[in-house]
Amino acid sequence: MLGMFVIMIFSVLIILLMLLMNFLISKKLFKSREKMSPFECGFDPLSKSRLPFSMQFYLISIIFLIFDVEIALILPFIYFNSLSMFMVKMNMLVILLVLIFGLYLEWLDGALKWFK
């Protein structure tokens, strides 16, 4: 019990020593306007923070994510040997039909058109 306590105290001392060394080494010797700004890349922090982006890009990325998740849902069905192949194929068909129906609705809504 005493040995474990000594190891814990020793570990805490090493951590504190490392934090102190980090604090002393990382001191900046000079302060400039660029170093004191939140962005060092030339970005003006006082300008408008939100830039407009295309809603079409957002919708296409959501569709991509949905079809990416579809692959993750269908792939495990390949390895199900305990179920009958008919059930596996029916489950895959249901997943694909739901996705194709959703894609069809997006197409009818006009979400896939880049130019309106």
PDB file of N, CA and C in Angstrom:
ATOM      1  N   MET A   1       0.819  -1.187   0.000  1.00  0.00           N
ATOM      2  CA  MET A   1       0.000   0.000   0.000  1.00  0.00           C
ATOM      3  C   MET A   1       0.869   1.258   0.000  1.00  0.00           C
ATOM      4  N   LEU A   2       1.915   1.262   0.805  1.00  0.00           N
ATOM      5  CA  LEU A   2       2.803   2.415   0.879  1.00  0.00           C
ATOM      6  C   LEU A   2       3.561   2.595  -0.433  1.00  0.00           C
ATOM      7  N   GLY A   3       3.944   1.475  -1.067  1.00  0.00           N
ATOM      8  CA  GLY A   3       4.649   1.555  -2.344  1.00  0.00           C
ATOM      9  C   GLY A   3       3.787   2.177  -3.430  1.00  0.00           C
ATOM     10  N   MET A   4       2.515   1.840  -3.425  1.00  0.00           N
ATOM     11  CA  MET A   4       1.603   2.408  -4.406  1.00  0.00           C
ATOM     12  C   MET A   4       1.430   3.909  -4.185  1.00  0.00           C
ATOM     13  N   PHE A   5       1.371   4.321  -2.941  1.00  0.00           N
ATOM     14  CA  PHE A   5       1.253   5.737  -2.607  1.00  0.00           C
ATOM     15  C   PHE A   5       2.497   6.497  -3.063  1.00  0.00           C
ATOM     16  N   VAL A   6       3.665   5.915  -2.869  1.00  0.00           N
ATOM     17  CA  VAL A   6       4.925   6.543  -3.298  1.00  0.00           C
ATOM     18  C   VAL A   6       4.962   6.674  -4.814  1.00  0.00           C
ATOM     19  N   ILE A   7       4.500   5.650  -5.527  1.00  0.00           N
ATOM     20  CA  ILE A   7       4.477   5.710  -6.990  1.00  0.00           C
ATOM     21  C   ILE A   7       3.517   6.799  -7.467  1.00  0.00           C
ATOM     22  N   MET A   8       2.363   6.937  -6.819  1.00  0.00           N
ATOM     23  CA  MET A   8       1.414   7.983  -7.202  1.00  0.00           C
ATOM     24  C   MET A   8       1.992   9.372  -6.952  1.00  0.00           C
ATOM     25  N   ILE A   9       2.645   9.576  -5.819  1.00  0.00           N
ATOM     26  CA  ILE A   9       3.262  10.869  -5.513  1.00  0.00           C
ATOM     27  C   ILE A   9       4.368  11.166  -6.517  1.00  0.00           C
ATOM     28  N   PHE A  10       5.166  10.169  -6.835  1.00  0.00           N
ATOM     29  CA  PHE A  10       6.260  10.335  -7.795  1.00  0.00           C
ATOM     30  C   PHE A  10       5.692  10.682  -9.181  1.00  0.00           C
ATOM     31  N   SER A  11       4.596  10.042  -9.576  1.00  0.00           N
ATOM     32  CA  SER A  11       3.973  10.336 -10.870  1.00  0.00           C
ATOM     33  C   SER A  11       3.441  11.766 -10.913  1.00  0.00           C
ATOM     34  N   VAL A  12       2.801  12.205  -9.854  1.00  0.00           N
ATOM     35  CA  VAL A  12       2.280  13.570  -9.801  1.00  0.00           C
ATOM     36  C   VAL A  12       3.417  14.583  -9.849  1.00  0.00           C
ATOM     37  N   LEU A  13       4.521  14.300  -9.174  1.00  0.00           N
ATOM     38  CA  LEU A  13       5.672  15.208  -9.210  1.00  0.00           C
ATOM     39  C   LEU A  13       6.270  15.291 -10.610  1.00  0.00           C
ATOM     40  N   ILE A  14       6.351  14.168 -11.299  1.00  0.00           N
ATOM     41  CA  ILE A  14       6.874  14.191 -12.680  1.00  0.00           C
ATOM     42  C   ILE A  14       5.951  15.009 -13.580  1.00  0.00           C
ATOM     43  N   ILE A  15       4.643  14.826 -13.431  1.00  0.00           N
ATOM     44  CA  ILE A  15       3.693  15.590 -14.247  1.00  0.00           C
ATOM     45  C   ILE A  15       3.806  17.082 -13.961  1.00  0.00           C
ATOM     46  N   LEU A  16       3.890  17.448 -12.707  1.00  0.00           N
ATOM     47  CA  LEU A  16       4.032  18.867 -12.357  1.00  0.00           C
ATOM     48  C   LEU A  16       5.344  19.441 -12.868  1.00  0.00           C
ATOM     49  N   LEU A  17       6.425  18.664 -12.807  1.00  0.00           N
ATOM     50  CA  LEU A  17       7.713  19.115 -13.330  1.00  0.00           C
ATOM     51  C   LEU A  17       7.631  19.341 -14.840  1.00  0.00           C
ATOM     52  N   MET A  18       6.957  18.430 -15.542  1.00  0.00           N
ATOM     53  CA  MET A  18       6.819  18.588 -16.995  1.00  0.00           C
ATOM     54  C   MET A  18       5.950  19.804 -17.335  1.00  0.00           C
ATOM     55  N   LEU A  19       4.888  20.040 -16.585  1.00  0.00           N
ATOM     56  CA  LEU A  19       4.058  21.219 -16.820  1.00  0.00           C
ATOM     57  C   LEU A  19       4.823  22.510 -16.557  1.00  0.00           C
ATOM     58  N   LEU A  20       5.654  22.526 -15.507  1.00  0.00           N
ATOM     59  CA  LEU A  20       6.463  23.702 -15.208  1.00  0.00           C
ATOM     60  C   LEU A  20       7.479  23.955 -16.314  1.00  0.00           C
ATOM     61  N   MET A  21       8.108  22.891 -16.810  1.00  0.00           N
ATOM     62  CA  MET A  21       9.072  23.047 -17.908  1.00  0.00           C
ATOM     63  C   MET A  21       8.382  23.571 -19.164  1.00  0.00           C
ATOM     64  N   ASN A  22       7.202  23.072 -19.453  1.00  0.00           N
ATOM     65  CA  ASN A  22       6.446  23.538 -20.608  1.00  0.00           C
ATOM     66  C   ASN A  22       6.096  25.012 -20.456  1.00  0.00           C
ATOM     67  N   PHE A  23       5.678  25.422 -19.283  1.00  0.00           N
ATOM     68  CA  PHE A  23       5.319  26.808 -19.042  1.00  0.00           C
ATOM     69  C   PHE A  23       6.529  27.724 -19.223  1.00  0.00           C
ATOM     70  N   LEU A  24       7.696  27.301 -18.736  1.00  0.00           N
ATOM     71  CA  LEU A  24       8.892  28.136 -18.837  1.00  0.00           C
ATOM     72  C   LEU A  24       9.438  28.188 -20.261  1.00  0.00           C
ATOM     73  N   ILE A  25       9.388  27.093 -20.979  1.00  0.00           N
ATOM     74  CA  ILE A  25       9.944  27.045 -22.331  1.00  0.00           C
ATOM     75  C   ILE A  25       9.055  27.770 -23.328  1.00  0.00           C
ATOM     76  N   SER A  26       7.751  27.731 -23.126  1.00  0.00           N
ATOM     77  CA  SER A  26       6.836  28.272 -24.124  1.00  0.00           C
ATOM     78  C   SER A  26       6.589  29.770 -23.994  1.00  0.00           C
ATOM     79  N   LYS A  27       7.293  30.467 -23.147  1.00  0.00           N
ATOM     80  CA  LYS A  27       7.105  31.914 -23.020  1.00  0.00           C
ATOM     81  C   LYS A  27       7.540  32.612 -24.301  1.00  0.00           C
ATOM     82  N   LYS A  28       6.715  33.501 -24.788  1.00  0.00           N
ATOM     83  CA  LYS A  28       7.067  34.288 -25.957  1.00  0.00           C
ATOM     84  C   LYS A  28       7.882  35.497 -25.494  1.00  0.00           C
ATOM     85  N   LEU A  29       9.002  35.695 -26.173  1.00  0.00           N
ATOM     86  CA  LEU A  29       9.889  36.770 -25.767  1.00  0.00           C
ATOM     87  C   LEU A  29       9.411  38.134 -26.255  1.00  0.00           C
ATOM     88  N   PHE A  30       8.761  38.169 -27.396  1.00  0.00           N
ATOM     89  CA  PHE A  30       8.282  39.451 -27.908  1.00  0.00           C
ATOM     90  C   PHE A  30       6.826  39.286 -28.336  1.00  0.00           C
ATOM     91  N   LYS A  31       6.093  40.373 -28.238  1.00  0.00           N
ATOM     92  CA  LYS A  31       4.691  40.349 -28.611  1.00  0.00           C
ATOM     93  C   LYS A  31       4.485  41.319 -29.763  1.00  0.00           C
ATOM     94  N   SER A  32       3.998  40.785 -30.863  1.00  0.00           N
ATOM     95  CA  SER A  32       3.703  41.631 -32.009  1.00  0.00           C
ATOM     96  C   SER A  32       2.197  41.630 -32.243  1.00  0.00           C
ATOM     97  N   ARG A  33       1.764  42.520 -33.120  1.00  0.00           N
ATOM     98  CA  ARG A  33       0.330  42.607 -33.401  1.00  0.00           C
ATOM     99  C   ARG A  33      -0.179  41.321 -34.016  1.00  0.00           C
ATOM    100  N   GLU A  34       0.620  40.707 -34.892  1.00  0.00           N
ATOM    101  CA  GLU A  34       0.204  39.467 -35.538  1.00  0.00           C
ATOM    102  C   GLU A  34       0.142  38.314 -34.543  1.00  0.00           C
ATOM    103  N   LYS A  35       1.093  38.267 -33.631  1.00  0.00           N
ATOM    104  CA  LYS A  35       1.106  37.187 -32.652  1.00  0.00           C
ATOM    105  C   LYS A  35      -0.016  37.325 -31.630  1.00  0.00           C
ATOM    106  N   MET A  36      -0.447  38.546 -31.365  1.00  0.00           N
ATOM    107  CA  MET A  36      -1.508  38.756 -30.384  1.00  0.00           C
ATOM    108  C   MET A  36      -2.901  38.584 -30.987  1.00  0.00           C
ATOM    109  N   SER A  37      -2.986  38.552 -32.332  1.00  0.00           N
ATOM    110  CA  SER A  37      -4.293  38.364 -32.964  1.00  0.00           C
ATOM    111  C   SER A  37      -4.676  36.884 -32.904  1.00  0.00           C
ATOM    112  N   PRO A  38      -5.968  36.591 -32.947  1.00  0.00           N
ATOM    113  CA  PRO A  38      -6.379  35.192 -32.848  1.00  0.00           C
ATOM    114  C   PRO A  38      -5.996  34.363 -34.070  1.00  0.00           C
ATOM    115  N   PHE A  39      -5.763  34.999 -35.204  1.00  0.00           N
ATOM    116  CA  PHE A  39      -5.394  34.291 -36.421  1.00  0.00           C
ATOM    117  C   PHE A  39      -4.081  34.848 -36.933  1.00  0.00           C
ATOM    118  N   GLU A  40      -3.101  33.992 -37.122  1.00  0.00           N
ATOM    119  CA  GLU A  40      -1.805  34.435 -37.624  1.00  0.00           C
ATOM    120  C   GLU A  40      -1.702  34.347 -39.143  1.00  0.00           C
ATOM    121  N   CYS A  41      -2.771  33.960 -39.823  1.00  0.00           N
ATOM    122  CA  CYS A  41      -2.691  33.699 -41.260  1.00  0.00           C
ATOM    123  C   CYS A  41      -3.108  34.901 -42.097  1.00  0.00           C
ATOM    124  N   GLY A  42      -3.319  36.035 -41.505  1.00  0.00           N
ATOM    125  CA  GLY A  42      -3.731  37.206 -42.258  1.00  0.00           C
ATOM    126  C   GLY A  42      -5.233  37.379 -42.310  1.00  0.00           C
ATOM    127  N   PHE A  43      -5.972  36.511 -41.645  1.00  0.00           N
ATOM    128  CA  PHE A  43      -7.421  36.607 -41.597  1.00  0.00           C
ATOM    129  C   PHE A  43      -7.812  37.755 -40.686  1.00  0.00           C
ATOM    130  N   ASP A  44      -8.690  38.613 -41.160  1.00  0.00           N
ATOM    131  CA  ASP A  44      -9.131  39.750 -40.362  1.00  0.00           C
ATOM    132  C   ASP A  44     -10.210  39.296 -39.386  1.00  0.00           C
ATOM    133  N   PRO A  45      -9.938  39.294 -38.088  1.00  0.00           N
ATOM    134  CA  PRO A  45     -10.927  38.783 -37.137  1.00  0.00           C
ATOM    135  C   PRO A  45     -12.127  39.705 -36.949  1.00  0.00           C
ATOM    136  N   LEU A  46     -12.046  40.926 -37.426  1.00  0.00           N
ATOM    137  CA  LEU A  46     -13.150  41.857 -37.253  1.00  0.00           C
ATOM    138  C   LEU A  46     -14.106  41.852 -38.435  1.00  0.00           C
ATOM    139  N   SER A  47     -13.818  41.051 -39.461  1.00  0.00           N
ATOM    140  CA  SER A  47     -14.709  40.991 -40.613  1.00  0.00           C
ATOM    141  C   SER A  47     -15.885  40.056 -40.323  1.00  0.00           C
ATOM    142  N   LYS A  48     -16.763  39.941 -41.288  1.00  0.00           N
ATOM    143  CA  LYS A  48     -17.945  39.091 -41.128  1.00  0.00           C
ATOM    144  C   LYS A  48     -17.508  37.633 -40.978  1.00  0.00           C
ATOM    145  N   SER A  49     -17.988  36.979 -39.937  1.00  0.00           N
ATOM    146  CA  SER A  49     -17.491  35.642 -39.641  1.00  0.00           C
ATOM    147  C   SER A  49     -18.166  34.553 -40.460  1.00  0.00           C
ATOM    148  N   ARG A  50     -19.370  34.765 -40.906  1.00  0.00           N
ATOM    149  CA  ARG A  50     -20.071  33.739 -41.671  1.00  0.00           C
ATOM    150  C   ARG A  50     -19.998  34.055 -43.157  1.00  0.00           C
ATOM    151  N   LEU A  51     -19.477  33.072 -43.896  1.00  0.00           N
ATOM    152  CA  LEU A  51     -19.424  33.210 -45.341  1.00  0.00           C
ATOM    153  C   LEU A  51     -20.568  32.403 -45.937  1.00  0.00           C
ATOM    154  N   PRO A  52     -21.227  32.933 -46.948  1.00  0.00           N
ATOM    155  CA  PRO A  52     -22.325  32.167 -47.551  1.00  0.00           C
ATOM    156  C   PRO A  52     -21.773  30.955 -48.305  1.00  0.00           C
ATOM    157  N   PHE A  53     -22.478  29.839 -48.227  1.00  0.00           N
ATOM    158  CA  PHE A  53     -22.098  28.662 -48.989  1.00  0.00           C
ATOM    159  C   PHE A  53     -23.321  28.144 -49.722  1.00  0.00           C
ATOM    160  N   SER A  54     -23.056  27.350 -50.716  1.00  0.00           N
ATOM    161  CA  SER A  54     -24.122  26.861 -51.571  1.00  0.00           C
ATOM    162  C   SER A  54     -24.953  25.809 -50.846  1.00  0.00           C
ATOM    163  N   MET A  55     -26.253  25.981 -50.871  1.00  0.00           N
ATOM    164  CA  MET A  55     -27.151  24.995 -50.277  1.00  0.00           C
ATOM    165  C   MET A  55     -27.119  23.706 -51.085  1.00  0.00           C
ATOM    166  N   GLN A  56     -26.847  23.813 -52.376  1.00  0.00           N
ATOM    167  CA  GLN A  56     -26.727  22.617 -53.217  1.00  0.00           C
ATOM    168  C   GLN A  56     -25.584  21.734 -52.726  1.00  0.00           C
ATOM    169  N   PHE A  57     -24.470  22.346 -52.361  1.00  0.00           N
ATOM    170  CA  PHE A  57     -23.338  21.579 -51.848  1.00  0.00           C
ATOM    171  C   PHE A  57     -23.728  20.844 -50.580  1.00  0.00           C
ATOM    172  N   TYR A  58     -24.480  21.489 -49.729  1.00  0.00           N
ATOM    173  CA  TYR A  58     -24.932  20.869 -48.485  1.00  0.00           C
ATOM    174  C   TYR A  58     -25.828  19.668 -48.777  1.00  0.00           C
ATOM    175  N   LEU A  59     -26.781  19.818 -49.696  1.00  0.00           N
ATOM    176  CA  LEU A  59     -27.699  18.724 -50.003  1.00  0.00           C
ATOM    177  C   LEU A  59     -26.979  17.548 -50.660  1.00  0.00           C
ATOM    178  N   ILE A  60     -26.045  17.829 -51.550  1.00  0.00           N
ATOM    179  CA  ILE A  60     -25.283  16.754 -52.187  1.00  0.00           C
ATOM    180  C   ILE A  60     -24.436  16.025 -51.152  1.00  0.00           C
ATOM    181  N   SER A  61     -23.866  16.749 -50.209  1.00  0.00           N
ATOM    182  CA  SER A  61     -23.059  16.083 -49.179  1.00  0.00           C
ATOM    183  C   SER A  61     -23.931  15.222 -48.274  1.00  0.00           C
ATOM    184  N   ILE A  62     -25.146  15.654 -47.988  1.00  0.00           N
ATOM    185  CA  ILE A  62     -26.066  14.833 -47.192  1.00  0.00           C
ATOM    186  C   ILE A  62     -26.433  13.565 -47.954  1.00  0.00           C
ATOM    187  N   ILE A  63     -26.685  13.681 -49.243  1.00  0.00           N
ATOM    188  CA  ILE A  63     -26.993  12.498 -50.052  1.00  0.00           C
ATOM    189  C   ILE A  63     -25.799  11.548 -50.077  1.00  0.00           C
ATOM    190  N   PHE A  64     -24.598  12.095 -50.194  1.00  0.00           N
ATOM    191  CA  PHE A  64     -23.399  11.254 -50.164  1.00  0.00           C
ATOM    192  C   PHE A  64     -23.294  10.511 -48.835  1.00  0.00           C
ATOM    193  N   LEU A  65     -23.547  11.200 -47.737  1.00  0.00           N
ATOM    194  CA  LEU A  65     -23.477  10.547 -46.429  1.00  0.00           C
ATOM    195  C   LEU A  65     -24.523   9.449 -46.290  1.00  0.00           C
ATOM    196  N   ILE A  66     -25.705   9.678 -46.820  1.00  0.00           N
ATOM    197  CA  ILE A  66     -26.749   8.655 -46.742  1.00  0.00           C
ATOM    198  C   ILE A  66     -26.332   7.414 -47.510  1.00  0.00           C
ATOM    199  N   PHE A  67     -25.786   7.580 -48.713  1.00  0.00           N
ATOM    200  CA  PHE A  67     -25.371   6.412 -49.471  1.00  0.00           C
ATOM    201  C   PHE A  67     -24.112   5.778 -48.896  1.00  0.00           C
ATOM    202  N   ASP A  68     -23.315   6.543 -48.192  1.00  0.00           N
ATOM    203  CA  ASP A  68     -22.157   5.978 -47.510  1.00  0.00           C
ATOM    204  C   ASP A  68     -22.610   5.102 -46.338  1.00  0.00           C
ATOM    205  N   VAL A  69     -23.617   5.537 -45.611  1.00  0.00           N
ATOM    206  CA  VAL A  69     -24.169   4.732 -44.518  1.00  0.00           C
ATOM    207  C   VAL A  69     -24.863   3.498 -45.073  1.00  0.00           C
ATOM    208  N   GLU A  70     -25.441   3.613 -46.249  1.00  0.00           N
ATOM    209  CA  GLU A  70     -26.093   2.466 -46.890  1.00  0.00           C
ATOM    210  C   GLU A  70     -25.098   1.344 -47.126  1.00  0.00           C
ATOM    211  N   ILE A  71     -23.906   1.672 -47.513  1.00  0.00           N
ATOM    212  CA  ILE A  71     -22.881   0.649 -47.703  1.00  0.00           C
ATOM    213  C   ILE A  71     -22.561  -0.021 -46.379  1.00  0.00           C
ATOM    214  N   ALA A  72     -22.507   0.749 -45.322  1.00  0.00           N
ATOM    215  CA  ALA A  72     -22.236   0.172 -44.000  1.00  0.00           C
ATOM    216  C   ALA A  72     -23.387  -0.708 -43.527  1.00  0.00           C
ATOM    217  N   LEU A  73     -24.610  -0.447 -43.991  1.00  0.00           N
ATOM    218  CA  LEU A  73     -25.743  -1.286 -43.613  1.00  0.00           C
ATOM    219  C   LEU A  73     -25.814  -2.569 -44.437  1.00  0.00           C
ATOM    220  N   ILE A  74     -25.445  -2.497 -45.695  1.00  0.00           N
ATOM    221  CA  ILE A  74     -25.559  -3.661 -46.574  1.00  0.00           C
ATOM    222  C   ILE A  74     -24.370  -4.610 -46.420  1.00  0.00           C
ATOM    223  N   LEU A  75     -23.202  -4.090 -46.168  1.00  0.00           N
ATOM    224  CA  LEU A  75     -22.005  -4.927 -46.104  1.00  0.00           C
ATOM    225  C   LEU A  75     -22.082  -6.057 -45.081  1.00  0.00           C
ATOM    226  N   PRO A  76     -22.618  -5.864 -43.875  1.00  0.00           N
ATOM    227  CA  PRO A  76     -22.685  -7.002 -42.936  1.00  0.00           C
ATOM    228  C   PRO A  76     -23.594  -8.131 -43.393  1.00  0.00           C
ATOM    229  N   PHE A  77     -24.549  -7.858 -44.277  1.00  0.00           N
ATOM    230  CA  PHE A  77     -25.432  -8.919 -44.748  1.00  0.00           C
ATOM    231  C   PHE A  77     -24.680  -9.992 -45.523  1.00  0.00           C
ATOM    232  N   ILE A  78     -23.546  -9.662 -46.052  1.00  0.00           N
ATOM    233  CA  ILE A  78     -22.757 -10.635 -46.806  1.00  0.00           C
ATOM    234  C   ILE A  78     -22.278 -11.755 -45.887  1.00  0.00           C
ATOM    235  N   TYR A  79     -21.997 -11.432 -44.644  1.00  0.00           N
ATOM    236  CA  TYR A  79     -21.405 -12.387 -43.722  1.00  0.00           C
ATOM    237  C   TYR A  79     -22.419 -13.114 -42.851  1.00  0.00           C
ATOM    238  N   PHE A  80     -23.713 -12.866 -43.033  1.00  0.00           N
ATOM    239  CA  PHE A  80     -24.723 -13.569 -42.247  1.00  0.00           C
ATOM    240  C   PHE A  80     -24.973 -14.936 -42.865  1.00  0.00           C
ATOM    241  N   ASN A  81     -24.364 -15.952 -42.333  1.00  0.00           N
ATOM    242  CA  ASN A  81     -24.571 -17.304 -42.851  1.00  0.00           C
ATOM    243  C   ASN A  81     -25.712 -18.011 -42.132  1.00  0.00           C
ATOM    244  N   SER A  82     -26.059 -17.554 -40.943  1.00  0.00           N
ATOM    245  CA  SER A  82     -27.112 -18.231 -40.185  1.00  0.00           C
ATOM    246  C   SER A  82     -28.501 -17.936 -40.751  1.00  0.00           C
ATOM    247  N   LEU A  83     -28.675 -16.795 -41.370  1.00  0.00           N
ATOM    248  CA  LEU A  83     -29.970 -16.461 -41.969  1.00  0.00           C
ATOM    249  C   LEU A  83     -30.059 -17.062 -43.369  1.00  0.00           C
ATOM    250  N   SER A  84     -31.259 -17.225 -43.832  1.00  0.00           N
ATOM    251  CA  SER A  84     -31.418 -17.740 -45.190  1.00  0.00           C
ATOM    252  C   SER A  84     -31.057 -16.638 -46.181  1.00  0.00           C
ATOM    253  N   MET A  85     -30.619 -17.041 -47.325  1.00  0.00           N
ATOM    254  CA  MET A  85     -30.218 -16.065 -48.342  1.00  0.00           C
ATOM    255  C   MET A  85     -31.416 -15.243 -48.821  1.00  0.00           C
ATOM    256  N   PHE A  86     -32.605 -15.831 -48.771  1.00  0.00           N
ATOM    257  CA  PHE A  86     -33.796 -15.095 -49.163  1.00  0.00           C
ATOM    258  C   PHE A  86     -34.020 -13.908 -48.226  1.00  0.00           C
ATOM    259  N   MET A  87     -33.880 -14.118 -46.923  1.00  0.00           N
ATOM    260  CA  MET A  87     -34.072 -13.034 -45.961  1.00  0.00           C
ATOM    261  C   MET A  87     -32.998 -11.958 -46.117  1.00  0.00           C
ATOM    262  N   VAL A  88     -31.775 -12.390 -46.373  1.00  0.00           N
ATOM    263  CA  VAL A  88     -30.686 -11.425 -46.562  1.00  0.00           C
ATOM    264  C   VAL A  88     -30.961 -10.553 -47.775  1.00  0.00           C
ATOM    265  N   LYS A  89     -31.379 -11.187 -48.868  1.00  0.00           N
ATOM    266  CA  LYS A  89     -31.661 -10.427 -50.086  1.00  0.00           C
ATOM    267  C   LYS A  89     -32.877  -9.513 -49.907  1.00  0.00           C
ATOM    268  N   MET A  90     -33.866  -9.961 -49.166  1.00  0.00           N
ATOM    269  CA  MET A  90     -35.036  -9.119 -48.926  1.00  0.00           C
ATOM    270  C   MET A  90     -34.675  -7.898 -48.077  1.00  0.00           C
ATOM    271  N   ASN A  91     -33.845  -8.098 -47.063  1.00  0.00           N
ATOM    272  CA  ASN A  91     -33.411  -6.960 -46.240  1.00  0.00           C
ATOM    273  C   ASN A  91     -32.610  -5.960 -47.069  1.00  0.00           C
ATOM    274  N   MET A  92     -31.712  -6.468 -47.905  1.00  0.00           N
ATOM    275  CA  MET A  92     -30.928  -5.580 -48.763  1.00  0.00           C
ATOM    276  C   MET A  92     -31.837  -4.843 -49.742  1.00  0.00           C
ATOM    277  N   LEU A  93     -32.839  -5.533 -50.269  1.00  0.00           N
ATOM    278  CA  LEU A  93     -33.763  -4.921 -51.213  1.00  0.00           C
ATOM    279  C   LEU A  93     -34.578  -3.813 -50.545  1.00  0.00           C
ATOM    280  N   VAL A  94     -35.026  -4.036 -49.328  1.00  0.00           N
ATOM    281  CA  VAL A  94     -35.796  -3.013 -48.610  1.00  0.00           C
ATOM    282  C   VAL A  94     -34.936  -1.769 -48.374  1.00  0.00           C
ATOM    283  N   ILE A  95     -33.697  -1.966 -47.940  1.00  0.00           N
ATOM    284  CA  ILE A  95     -32.801  -0.828 -47.710  1.00  0.00           C
ATOM    285  C   ILE A  95     -32.574  -0.061 -49.007  1.00  0.00           C
ATOM    286  N   LEU A  96     -32.311  -0.781 -50.094  1.00  0.00           N
ATOM    287  CA  LEU A  96     -32.077  -0.111 -51.376  1.00  0.00           C
ATOM    288  C   LEU A  96     -33.326   0.604 -51.887  1.00  0.00           C
ATOM    289  N   LEU A  97     -34.496   0.003 -51.715  1.00  0.00           N
ATOM    290  CA  LEU A  97     -35.727   0.654 -52.168  1.00  0.00           C
ATOM    291  C   LEU A  97     -36.001   1.944 -51.400  1.00  0.00           C
ATOM    292  N   VAL A  98     -35.767   1.934 -50.107  1.00  0.00           N
ATOM    293  CA  VAL A  98     -35.957   3.153 -49.311  1.00  0.00           C
ATOM    294  C   VAL A  98     -35.002   4.250 -49.784  1.00  0.00           C
ATOM    295  N   LEU A  99     -33.749   3.874 -50.047  1.00  0.00           N
ATOM    296  CA  LEU A  99     -32.779   4.876 -50.510  1.00  0.00           C
ATOM    297  C   LEU A  99     -33.110   5.389 -51.906  1.00  0.00           C
ATOM    298  N   ILE A 100     -33.502   4.496 -52.793  1.00  0.00           N
ATOM    299  CA  ILE A 100     -33.849   4.934 -54.152  1.00  0.00           C
ATOM    300  C   ILE A 100     -35.095   5.820 -54.126  1.00  0.00           C
ATOM    301  N   PHE A 101     -36.065   5.483 -53.286  1.00  0.00           N
ATOM    302  CA  PHE A 101     -37.260   6.330 -53.149  1.00  0.00           C
ATOM    303  C   PHE A 101     -36.893   7.716 -52.619  1.00  0.00           C
ATOM    304  N   GLY A 102     -35.998   7.774 -51.633  1.00  0.00           N
ATOM    305  CA  GLY A 102     -35.547   9.063 -51.111  1.00  0.00           C
ATOM    306  C   GLY A 102     -34.794   9.873 -52.148  1.00  0.00           C
ATOM    307  N   LEU A 103     -33.972   9.194 -52.942  1.00  0.00           N
ATOM    308  CA  LEU A 103     -33.240   9.882 -54.009  1.00  0.00           C
ATOM    309  C   LEU A 103     -34.198  10.403 -55.070  1.00  0.00           C
ATOM    310  N   TYR A 104     -35.235   9.628 -55.373  1.00  0.00           N
ATOM    311  CA  TYR A 104     -36.246  10.056 -56.336  1.00  0.00           C
ATOM    312  C   TYR A 104     -36.991  11.302 -55.828  1.00  0.00           C
ATOM    313  N   LEU A 105     -37.314  11.321 -54.545  1.00  0.00           N
ATOM    314  CA  LEU A 105     -37.977  12.495 -53.981  1.00  0.00           C
ATOM    315  C   LEU A 105     -37.066  13.726 -54.024  1.00  0.00           C
ATOM    316  N   GLU A 106     -35.771  13.534 -53.757  1.00  0.00           N
ATOM    317  CA  GLU A 106     -34.821  14.647 -53.866  1.00  0.00           C
ATOM    318  C   GLU A 106     -34.743  15.154 -55.299  1.00  0.00           C
ATOM    319  N   TRP A 107     -34.784  14.240 -56.250  1.00  0.00           N
ATOM    320  CA  TRP A 107     -34.721  14.620 -57.657  1.00  0.00           C
ATOM    321  C   TRP A 107     -35.972  15.405 -58.059  1.00  0.00           C
ATOM    322  N   LEU A 108     -37.144  14.942 -57.585  1.00  0.00           N
ATOM    323  CA  LEU A 108     -38.378  15.672 -57.894  1.00  0.00           C
ATOM    324  C   LEU A 108     -38.406  17.046 -57.240  1.00  0.00           C
ATOM    325  N   ASP A 109     -37.818  17.151 -56.067  1.00  0.00           N
ATOM    326  CA  ASP A 109     -37.784  18.421 -55.342  1.00  0.00           C
ATOM    327  C   ASP A 109     -36.830  19.412 -56.003  1.00  0.00           C
ATOM    328  N   GLY A 110     -35.918  18.926 -56.824  1.00  0.00           N
ATOM    329  CA  GLY A 110     -34.957  19.788 -57.497  1.00  0.00           C
ATOM    330  C   GLY A 110     -33.685  19.992 -56.733  1.00  0.00           C
ATOM    331  N   ALA A 111     -33.419  19.168 -55.742  1.00  0.00           N
ATOM    332  CA  ALA A 111     -32.213  19.329 -54.933  1.00  0.00           C
ATOM    333  C   ALA A 111     -30.955  18.923 -55.680  1.00  0.00           C
ATOM    334  N   LEU A 112     -31.117  18.148 -56.743  1.00  0.00           N
ATOM    335  CA  LEU A 112     -29.946  17.675 -57.491  1.00  0.00           C
ATOM    336  C   LEU A 112     -29.594  18.572 -58.664  1.00  0.00           C
ATOM    337  N   LYS A 113     -30.365  19.620 -58.887  1.00  0.00           N
ATOM    338  CA  LYS A 113     -30.066  20.546 -59.982  1.00  0.00           C
ATOM    339  C   LYS A 113     -29.050  21.573 -59.504  1.00  0.00           C
ATOM    340  N   TRP A 114     -27.957  21.714 -60.224  1.00  0.00           N
ATOM    341  CA  TRP A 114     -26.937  22.694 -59.828  1.00  0.00           C
ATOM    342  C   TRP A 114     -27.315  24.089 -60.291  1.00  0.00           C
ATOM    343  N   PHE A 115     -27.967  24.188 -61.423  1.00  0.00           N
ATOM    344  CA  PHE A 115     -28.343  25.505 -61.947  1.00  0.00           C
ATOM    345  C   PHE A 115     -29.856  25.591 -61.982  1.00  0.00           C
ATOM    346  N   LYS A 116     -30.392  26.647 -61.384  1.00  0.00           N
ATOM    347  CA  LYS A 116     -31.853  26.827 -61.387  1.00  0.00           C
ATOM    348  C   LYS A 116     -32.218  28.046 -62.198  1.00  0.00           C
TER     349      LYS A 116
END
